[in-house]
């Protein structure tokens, strides 16, 4: 299911990648403004991986994230650069499953995609429940 979700939202240009999580801070805007000088606290590897890609024309940004952890985590994103859209639509598609959960003949829809929308801002936070695969599509208007 995750492979199909990722394939459905393919974009060829790699923009950024991150792995692991760190302690959240009360004023997240400080994180974005000082990221080049910030030393994250309580770094935890093997919890979340995320990659950002874009279409060739840059009008469609895709962020794919996986929360491998039994705890929820928050993915912080900042859309920046000369081609960053002034306005856009944001769609979030996710699949959440426990470690032993799977679709079966008895429960063919136990695991399914959940779609939601979110207001576009240059700085956004996305909650990732435990064991979640998520795709965020940001499409310029």
N, C-alpha and C. Protein backbone atom coordinates (compact mmCIF):
# COMPACT_ATOMS: atom_id res chain seq x y z
N UNK A 1 0.82 -1.19 0.00
CA UNK A 1 0.00 0.00 0.00
C UNK A 1 0.87 1.26 0.00
N UNK A 2 1.94 1.26 0.80
CA UNK A 2 2.82 2.43 0.85
C UNK A 2 3.52 2.65 -0.48
N UNK A 3 3.94 1.55 -1.13
CA UNK A 3 4.62 1.68 -2.42
C UNK A 3 3.71 2.33 -3.45
N UNK A 4 2.45 1.91 -3.49
CA UNK A 4 1.51 2.50 -4.44
C UNK A 4 1.26 3.97 -4.12
N UNK A 5 1.11 4.29 -2.86
CA UNK A 5 0.91 5.68 -2.46
C UNK A 5 2.09 6.53 -2.92
N UNK A 6 3.29 6.07 -2.67
CA UNK A 6 4.47 6.83 -3.08
C UNK A 6 4.56 6.93 -4.60
N UNK A 7 4.23 5.87 -5.30
CA UNK A 7 4.28 5.89 -6.77
C UNK A 7 3.24 6.86 -7.32
N UNK A 8 2.04 6.88 -6.72
CA UNK A 8 0.98 7.78 -7.19
C UNK A 8 1.37 9.25 -7.06
N UNK A 9 2.28 9.55 -6.15
CA UNK A 9 2.69 10.94 -5.91
C UNK A 9 4.17 11.13 -6.22
N UNK A 10 4.60 10.59 -7.33
CA UNK A 10 6.00 10.71 -7.75
C UNK A 10 6.27 12.12 -8.29
N UNK A 11 7.42 12.67 -7.94
CA UNK A 11 7.92 13.93 -8.52
C UNK A 11 9.43 13.76 -8.67
N UNK A 12 10.00 14.10 -9.82
CA UNK A 12 11.38 13.71 -10.14
C UNK A 12 12.51 14.51 -9.48
N UNK A 13 12.27 15.74 -9.07
CA UNK A 13 13.37 16.58 -8.56
C UNK A 13 13.48 16.49 -7.05
N UNK A 14 14.61 15.99 -6.56
CA UNK A 14 14.82 15.89 -5.11
C UNK A 14 15.23 17.25 -4.55
N UNK A 15 14.55 17.67 -3.48
CA UNK A 15 14.82 18.97 -2.87
C UNK A 15 15.51 18.84 -1.51
N UNK A 16 15.02 17.96 -0.65
CA UNK A 16 15.56 17.86 0.71
C UNK A 16 15.21 16.49 1.29
N UNK A 17 15.97 16.10 2.31
CA UNK A 17 15.74 14.85 3.01
C UNK A 17 16.09 15.03 4.48
N UNK A 18 15.35 14.38 5.35
CA UNK A 18 15.69 14.39 6.77
C UNK A 18 15.39 13.04 7.38
N UNK A 19 16.07 12.74 8.46
CA UNK A 19 15.87 11.48 9.15
C UNK A 19 16.00 11.69 10.65
N UNK A 20 15.10 11.08 11.42
CA UNK A 20 15.15 11.21 12.87
C UNK A 20 14.26 12.33 13.37
N UNK A 21 14.19 12.45 14.68
CA UNK A 21 13.39 13.49 15.32
C UNK A 21 14.19 14.11 16.45
N UNK A 22 13.72 15.24 16.94
CA UNK A 22 14.35 15.89 18.08
C UNK A 22 13.27 16.52 18.93
N UNK A 23 13.67 16.98 20.08
CA UNK A 23 12.74 17.59 21.04
C UNK A 23 12.09 18.83 20.42
N UNK A 24 10.77 18.90 20.53
CA UNK A 24 10.03 20.05 20.02
C UNK A 24 10.35 21.29 20.86
N UNK A 25 10.18 22.46 20.27
CA UNK A 25 10.40 23.71 21.00
C UNK A 25 9.10 24.51 20.99
N UNK A 26 8.87 25.33 22.01
CA UNK A 26 7.59 26.05 22.11
C UNK A 26 7.34 27.01 20.94
N UNK A 27 8.37 27.70 20.48
CA UNK A 27 8.19 28.66 19.38
C UNK A 27 8.83 28.09 18.13
N UNK A 28 8.04 27.38 17.35
CA UNK A 28 8.58 26.68 16.17
C UNK A 28 9.15 27.62 15.13
N UNK A 29 8.65 28.86 15.07
CA UNK A 29 9.21 29.80 14.09
C UNK A 29 10.69 30.05 14.36
N UNK A 30 11.10 29.94 15.62
CA UNK A 30 12.53 30.08 15.94
C UNK A 30 13.34 28.95 15.30
N UNK A 31 12.74 27.77 15.23
CA UNK A 31 13.40 26.65 14.57
C UNK A 31 13.70 27.00 13.12
N UNK A 32 12.70 27.49 12.40
CA UNK A 32 12.88 27.80 10.99
C UNK A 32 13.86 28.95 10.79
N UNK A 33 13.79 29.95 11.63
CA UNK A 33 14.63 31.13 11.45
C UNK A 33 16.09 30.87 11.82
N UNK A 34 16.34 29.93 12.71
CA UNK A 34 17.70 29.71 13.19
C UNK A 34 18.24 28.31 12.86
N UNK A 35 17.63 27.64 11.89
CA UNK A 35 17.99 26.25 11.64
C UNK A 35 19.47 26.06 11.29
N UNK A 36 20.06 27.00 10.59
CA UNK A 36 21.46 26.84 10.21
C UNK A 36 22.40 26.93 11.40
N UNK A 37 21.95 27.51 12.50
CA UNK A 37 22.80 27.66 13.69
C UNK A 37 22.29 26.85 14.87
N UNK A 38 21.16 26.18 14.70
CA UNK A 38 20.53 25.48 15.82
C UNK A 38 21.14 24.10 16.03
N UNK A 39 21.28 23.73 17.27
CA UNK A 39 21.69 22.38 17.63
C UNK A 39 20.47 21.68 18.23
N UNK A 40 19.87 20.75 17.47
CA UNK A 40 18.68 20.07 17.99
C UNK A 40 18.98 19.31 19.28
N UNK A 41 18.02 19.29 20.17
CA UNK A 41 18.16 18.57 21.44
C UNK A 41 17.41 17.24 21.38
N UNK A 42 17.93 16.25 22.09
CA UNK A 42 17.30 14.93 22.19
C UNK A 42 17.08 14.30 20.81
N UNK A 43 18.12 14.29 19.98
CA UNK A 43 18.03 13.69 18.66
C UNK A 43 17.75 12.19 18.79
N UNK A 44 16.76 11.69 18.07
CA UNK A 44 16.40 10.28 18.09
C UNK A 44 16.38 9.75 16.67
N UNK A 45 17.36 8.93 16.30
CA UNK A 45 17.37 8.36 14.95
C UNK A 45 16.31 7.27 14.81
N UNK A 46 16.05 6.88 13.56
CA UNK A 46 15.15 5.76 13.24
C UNK A 46 13.73 5.96 13.72
N UNK A 47 13.26 7.19 13.68
CA UNK A 47 11.88 7.48 14.08
C UNK A 47 11.05 7.96 12.89
N UNK A 48 11.54 8.97 12.18
CA UNK A 48 10.84 9.52 11.03
C UNK A 48 11.84 9.77 9.91
N UNK A 49 11.47 9.39 8.69
CA UNK A 49 12.21 9.77 7.49
C UNK A 49 11.27 10.59 6.63
N UNK A 50 11.80 11.62 5.98
CA UNK A 50 10.99 12.45 5.08
C UNK A 50 11.84 12.92 3.92
N UNK A 51 11.23 13.00 2.75
CA UNK A 51 11.91 13.49 1.55
C UNK A 51 10.96 14.45 0.84
N UNK A 52 11.51 15.55 0.33
CA UNK A 52 10.74 16.53 -0.43
C UNK A 52 11.22 16.50 -1.87
N UNK A 53 10.27 16.44 -2.80
CA UNK A 53 10.57 16.45 -4.22
C UNK A 53 9.63 17.43 -4.91
N UNK A 54 9.92 17.72 -6.18
CA UNK A 54 9.02 18.61 -6.91
C UNK A 54 8.91 18.16 -8.36
N UNK A 55 7.86 18.64 -9.01
CA UNK A 55 7.71 18.43 -10.44
C UNK A 55 8.79 19.24 -11.15
N UNK A 56 9.01 18.96 -12.41
CA UNK A 56 10.05 19.66 -13.18
C UNK A 56 9.81 21.16 -13.22
N UNK A 57 8.54 21.59 -13.27
CA UNK A 57 8.25 23.02 -13.33
C UNK A 57 8.17 23.67 -11.94
N UNK A 58 8.28 22.86 -10.87
CA UNK A 58 8.27 23.40 -9.52
C UNK A 58 6.91 23.80 -8.99
N UNK A 59 5.85 23.57 -9.74
CA UNK A 59 4.51 23.99 -9.30
C UNK A 59 3.85 22.97 -8.39
N UNK A 60 4.45 21.80 -8.27
CA UNK A 60 3.91 20.75 -7.42
C UNK A 60 5.03 20.22 -6.53
N UNK A 61 4.86 20.39 -5.22
CA UNK A 61 5.83 19.89 -4.24
C UNK A 61 5.23 18.68 -3.55
N UNK A 62 6.05 17.67 -3.35
CA UNK A 62 5.60 16.44 -2.70
C UNK A 62 6.53 16.16 -1.52
N UNK A 63 5.96 15.94 -0.35
CA UNK A 63 6.72 15.53 0.83
C UNK A 63 6.20 14.16 1.22
N UNK A 64 7.11 13.19 1.28
CA UNK A 64 6.75 11.84 1.70
C UNK A 64 7.41 11.60 3.05
N UNK A 65 6.62 11.10 4.00
CA UNK A 65 7.14 10.90 5.35
C UNK A 65 6.68 9.55 5.89
N UNK A 66 7.55 8.94 6.69
CA UNK A 66 7.22 7.68 7.36
C UNK A 66 7.57 7.82 8.83
N UNK A 67 6.60 7.56 9.69
CA UNK A 67 6.85 7.51 11.13
C UNK A 67 6.96 6.03 11.51
N UNK A 68 8.18 5.58 11.77
CA UNK A 68 8.44 4.18 12.13
C UNK A 68 8.23 3.92 13.61
N UNK A 69 7.96 4.94 14.36
CA UNK A 69 7.98 4.89 15.81
C UNK A 69 6.59 4.61 16.40
N UNK A 70 6.58 4.07 17.61
CA UNK A 70 5.33 3.83 18.34
C UNK A 70 4.76 5.10 18.95
N UNK A 71 5.50 6.20 18.86
CA UNK A 71 5.05 7.49 19.39
C UNK A 71 4.68 8.42 18.23
N UNK A 72 3.74 9.33 18.44
CA UNK A 72 3.44 10.32 17.40
C UNK A 72 4.59 11.33 17.28
N UNK A 73 4.76 11.87 16.10
CA UNK A 73 5.76 12.90 15.86
C UNK A 73 5.17 13.97 14.95
N UNK A 74 5.80 15.12 14.91
CA UNK A 74 5.36 16.22 14.07
C UNK A 74 6.44 16.52 13.04
N UNK A 75 6.03 16.60 11.78
CA UNK A 75 6.93 16.97 10.69
C UNK A 75 6.76 18.46 10.44
N UNK A 76 7.84 19.22 10.58
CA UNK A 76 7.82 20.65 10.30
C UNK A 76 8.35 20.88 8.90
N UNK A 77 7.65 21.70 8.13
CA UNK A 77 8.08 22.02 6.77
C UNK A 77 8.11 23.53 6.56
N UNK A 78 9.04 23.96 5.73
CA UNK A 78 9.09 25.36 5.30
C UNK A 78 9.27 25.35 3.79
N UNK A 79 8.35 26.02 3.09
CA UNK A 79 8.44 26.17 1.64
C UNK A 79 9.14 27.50 1.40
N UNK A 80 10.30 27.43 0.75
CA UNK A 80 11.06 28.66 0.55
C UNK A 80 11.75 28.63 -0.81
N UNK A 81 12.30 29.76 -1.19
CA UNK A 81 13.02 29.88 -2.45
C UNK A 81 12.27 30.78 -3.42
N UNK A 82 12.93 31.12 -4.49
CA UNK A 82 12.34 32.05 -5.46
C UNK A 82 11.12 31.48 -6.16
N UNK A 83 11.00 30.16 -6.20
CA UNK A 83 9.85 29.54 -6.87
C UNK A 83 8.76 29.10 -5.89
N UNK A 84 8.89 29.45 -4.62
CA UNK A 84 7.87 29.08 -3.63
C UNK A 84 6.56 29.77 -3.98
N UNK A 85 5.46 29.02 -4.00
CA UNK A 85 4.19 29.64 -4.38
C UNK A 85 3.67 30.61 -3.32
N UNK A 86 3.02 31.67 -3.78
CA UNK A 86 2.38 32.61 -2.87
C UNK A 86 1.09 32.01 -2.31
N UNK A 87 0.41 31.21 -3.14
CA UNK A 87 -0.78 30.49 -2.68
C UNK A 87 -0.76 29.10 -3.29
N UNK A 88 -1.34 28.16 -2.57
CA UNK A 88 -1.33 26.77 -3.01
C UNK A 88 -2.42 25.99 -2.30
N UNK A 89 -2.71 24.81 -2.81
CA UNK A 89 -3.59 23.88 -2.12
C UNK A 89 -2.71 22.80 -1.49
N UNK A 90 -3.11 22.33 -0.34
CA UNK A 90 -2.34 21.31 0.38
C UNK A 90 -3.24 20.11 0.62
N UNK A 91 -2.81 18.96 0.14
CA UNK A 91 -3.54 17.71 0.36
C UNK A 91 -2.63 16.76 1.12
N UNK A 92 -3.17 16.10 2.13
CA UNK A 92 -2.43 15.12 2.92
C UNK A 92 -3.12 13.77 2.75
N UNK A 93 -2.35 12.78 2.31
CA UNK A 93 -2.86 11.43 2.15
C UNK A 93 -2.02 10.54 3.07
N UNK A 94 -2.69 9.77 3.94
CA UNK A 94 -1.93 8.96 4.89
C UNK A 94 -2.55 7.58 5.08
N UNK A 95 -1.70 6.68 5.56
CA UNK A 95 -2.11 5.34 5.94
C UNK A 95 -1.46 5.06 7.28
N UNK A 96 -2.26 4.66 8.26
CA UNK A 96 -1.74 4.33 9.59
C UNK A 96 -2.11 2.89 9.90
N UNK A 97 -1.16 2.13 10.42
CA UNK A 97 -1.41 0.73 10.74
C UNK A 97 -0.54 0.30 11.90
N UNK A 98 -1.08 -0.55 12.75
CA UNK A 98 -0.29 -1.16 13.80
C UNK A 98 0.69 -2.15 13.18
N UNK A 99 1.67 -2.56 13.93
CA UNK A 99 2.70 -3.45 13.40
C UNK A 99 2.15 -4.77 12.90
N UNK A 100 1.07 -5.27 13.49
CA UNK A 100 0.52 -6.57 13.10
C UNK A 100 -0.77 -6.44 12.29
N UNK A 101 -1.12 -5.24 11.85
CA UNK A 101 -2.35 -5.04 11.09
C UNK A 101 -2.11 -5.18 9.60
N UNK A 102 -3.11 -5.76 8.91
CA UNK A 102 -3.03 -5.91 7.46
C UNK A 102 -4.44 -6.07 6.93
N UNK A 103 -4.62 -5.77 5.65
CA UNK A 103 -5.89 -6.08 5.00
C UNK A 103 -5.99 -7.58 4.82
N UNK A 104 -7.21 -8.09 4.83
CA UNK A 104 -7.43 -9.52 4.66
C UNK A 104 -8.74 -9.71 3.90
N UNK A 105 -9.07 -10.95 3.58
CA UNK A 105 -10.34 -11.22 2.93
C UNK A 105 -11.50 -10.85 3.86
N UNK A 106 -11.33 -11.10 5.15
CA UNK A 106 -12.38 -10.76 6.11
C UNK A 106 -12.50 -9.26 6.32
N UNK A 107 -11.38 -8.54 6.26
CA UNK A 107 -11.37 -7.08 6.45
C UNK A 107 -10.54 -6.43 5.33
N UNK A 108 -11.10 -6.36 4.11
CA UNK A 108 -10.32 -5.84 2.99
C UNK A 108 -10.01 -4.34 3.07
N UNK A 109 -10.75 -3.59 3.88
CA UNK A 109 -10.54 -2.15 3.99
C UNK A 109 -10.03 -1.73 5.36
N UNK A 110 -9.43 -2.67 6.09
CA UNK A 110 -8.93 -2.33 7.42
C UNK A 110 -7.88 -1.22 7.33
N UNK A 111 -6.98 -1.34 6.38
CA UNK A 111 -5.99 -0.29 6.12
C UNK A 111 -6.41 0.44 4.86
N UNK A 112 -6.57 1.75 4.97
CA UNK A 112 -6.97 2.52 3.80
C UNK A 112 -6.39 3.91 3.87
N UNK A 113 -6.36 4.53 2.71
CA UNK A 113 -5.89 5.91 2.63
C UNK A 113 -6.89 6.84 3.27
N UNK A 114 -6.37 7.82 3.98
CA UNK A 114 -7.19 8.89 4.53
C UNK A 114 -6.70 10.18 3.90
N UNK A 115 -7.62 10.94 3.32
CA UNK A 115 -7.25 12.20 2.67
C UNK A 115 -7.80 13.38 3.45
N UNK A 116 -7.01 14.43 3.51
CA UNK A 116 -7.42 15.66 4.19
C UNK A 116 -6.80 16.84 3.45
N UNK A 117 -7.32 18.02 3.71
CA UNK A 117 -6.72 19.24 3.18
C UNK A 117 -6.29 20.11 4.36
N UNK A 118 -5.43 21.05 4.06
CA UNK A 118 -4.89 21.93 5.10
C UNK A 118 -4.65 23.29 4.45
N UNK A 119 -4.81 24.38 5.18
CA UNK A 119 -4.50 25.70 4.62
C UNK A 119 -2.99 25.79 4.31
N UNK A 120 -2.67 26.44 3.22
CA UNK A 120 -1.27 26.61 2.83
C UNK A 120 -0.64 27.77 3.58
N UNK A 121 0.53 27.51 4.11
CA UNK A 121 1.39 28.54 4.70
C UNK A 121 2.81 28.12 4.37
N UNK A 122 3.73 29.04 4.38
CA UNK A 122 5.12 28.67 4.09
C UNK A 122 5.71 27.78 5.17
N UNK A 123 5.30 27.97 6.43
CA UNK A 123 5.71 27.11 7.53
C UNK A 123 4.49 26.30 7.96
N UNK A 124 4.62 24.97 7.88
CA UNK A 124 3.50 24.10 8.24
C UNK A 124 3.99 22.96 9.12
N UNK A 125 3.09 22.45 9.95
CA UNK A 125 3.37 21.29 10.81
C UNK A 125 2.36 20.20 10.47
N UNK A 126 2.85 18.98 10.36
CA UNK A 126 2.01 17.84 10.05
C UNK A 126 2.19 16.79 11.14
N UNK A 127 1.09 16.41 11.78
CA UNK A 127 1.13 15.39 12.82
C UNK A 127 1.19 14.01 12.17
N UNK A 128 2.12 13.19 12.63
CA UNK A 128 2.28 11.83 12.13
C UNK A 128 1.99 10.86 13.28
N UNK A 129 0.82 10.23 13.27
CA UNK A 129 0.54 9.23 14.30
C UNK A 129 1.56 8.09 14.24
N UNK A 130 1.62 7.26 15.26
CA UNK A 130 2.55 6.11 15.22
C UNK A 130 2.30 5.25 13.97
N UNK A 131 3.38 4.76 13.39
CA UNK A 131 3.34 3.83 12.26
C UNK A 131 2.50 4.37 11.10
N UNK A 132 2.83 5.57 10.66
CA UNK A 132 2.10 6.23 9.59
C UNK A 132 2.99 6.49 8.39
N UNK A 133 2.41 6.32 7.22
CA UNK A 133 3.02 6.73 5.96
C UNK A 133 2.17 7.89 5.47
N UNK A 134 2.80 9.01 5.12
CA UNK A 134 2.03 10.18 4.69
C UNK A 134 2.67 10.81 3.45
N UNK A 135 1.81 11.33 2.60
CA UNK A 135 2.24 12.12 1.44
C UNK A 135 1.55 13.46 1.53
N UNK A 136 2.33 14.52 1.40
CA UNK A 136 1.80 15.88 1.41
C UNK A 136 2.03 16.46 0.01
N UNK A 137 0.96 16.86 -0.63
CA UNK A 137 1.05 17.46 -1.96
C UNK A 137 0.71 18.94 -1.86
N UNK A 138 1.65 19.78 -2.26
CA UNK A 138 1.46 21.23 -2.26
C UNK A 138 1.44 21.65 -3.72
N UNK A 139 0.30 22.10 -4.18
CA UNK A 139 0.13 22.44 -5.59
C UNK A 139 -0.13 23.94 -5.72
N UNK A 140 0.75 24.62 -6.45
CA UNK A 140 0.64 26.07 -6.63
C UNK A 140 -0.65 26.39 -7.37
N UNK A 141 -1.30 27.49 -6.91
CA UNK A 141 -2.54 27.94 -7.58
C UNK A 141 -2.21 28.79 -8.78
